[in-house]
Amino acid sequence: MHCKAFISGCAGLSLSSDERVFFANERPFGLILFARNFSSPAQVRELVAQFRCAVGWHAPVFVDQEGGRVQRLGPPLWADYPAAGTVAQVWQHSQGDGVKAVSLFAEALGLELAGMGLSANCIPCLDVPVAGANDIIGLRAFGGDAQMVAQLGAAVIDGCRKAHIYPVIKHMPGHGRAMVDSHKQLPRLACSLDEMRASDFVPFQALNDSPFGMTAHVVVEALDDARPATQSPVVVSQIIRGEIGFSGLLMSDDLSMMALDGDIRTRIRGVFAAGVDMALHCNGEFSDMQAAVLEVPELADNALVRAKASLEFVKAPLAQEEAQARLPQRRAALNDLLGRYGLQQVRLPDVRQGMIV
């Protein structure tokens, strides 16, 4: 594996000639896609193929397909999934059915991605929201009980594995206490470390052998009053690698977010100085991408070891035909469970009508 330690976005529905040359020369570890990059299943397959051709290997392609309000692929061409927190409500009726529903949920999301050649979904969100927190997390999380979040997070990882999709646990060391939206400004957590140990850290500790993990753009004042976790050597070494014991490939949250100060080069320098393995840059702005790579190192040493190990989570991509064949049954089984408890079901796309049914 000969690549640089970053995951990049791209601007549109296909790679421009400049983007193709950029990816061929700079060799990012992976690509992340957003709504601007989706118009049809065939188009997505072609875009993914263009990227992998440019970098010269079957590089991972990521997306945030959480369900609820965070669905990069949505109606009318794709199904409309309930939020993770809605699916988790099955747990309140039956813990066994709750685990089964969440696993089916993650598998169905994953199969839809695998059917278009994508390979990684940035789920589960293991944050534990507290009363009064900003709703940037909200129903993206399973709920406020850390042990429940840990068990349902494990079910997500099981569902991803069945779909041959890489999961990404997020947002370490915990985003559930944030009182502001980190897309717009930097949250500061004023709680004690013991409070975080009793709740926020618990799901991440339980799933610390996950292949990929993502940092949070939050300041944990009890640990580092000056720097967000994404750029804090203290948080990364003492908490994420230390107390939490995360052993997988650690990537930053999106470095385009307004929680971080400075230009893109300054932000990336802070990420790698903190000991994070991989920079995530999502906005697809070509000038930003060109500036970003000036600060990105080759993937090497412990980060390279972790990258290779993380890719072993999926032994081989799932054949697109198999993914497409399995998807309807998994959706139906999930809807059966959700309907049993009166919860919002997956609404399927009706491509002929251009509407959700």
Foldseek 3Di string as FASTA:
>chain_A
DWAFFAEEEAQAQAHDPVRLQVCLVHVHQYYEYALRNDDALVSLLRRQVSNCVSNVHLHAYEYADAADPRHRDDPQRFWHGHGLQQLCVLCVVPVVLSLVLLLLVLLLSLLVCLLSSHAAYADDELAAADPQADCPCPSSANYNANVSSLSSRVSNCNSNLVSNHAYEYDEPQHDRRFRDDQLEAEGEDPDEPVVCVVHSLRSLLSVLAGAHYEYDRYHDCNFDVPGGLLLALRCVVCPSCNVSVRQHQYEYDALNGPHDDDALLVSLLSNVVSPHQHYYHHPNDVVSVVSNSVNIGIRDDSNVVRNVVSSVSRVDRDPSVVSVVCNVVSLVVSQVSCVVVPTDGIFGHDVVVSDTD
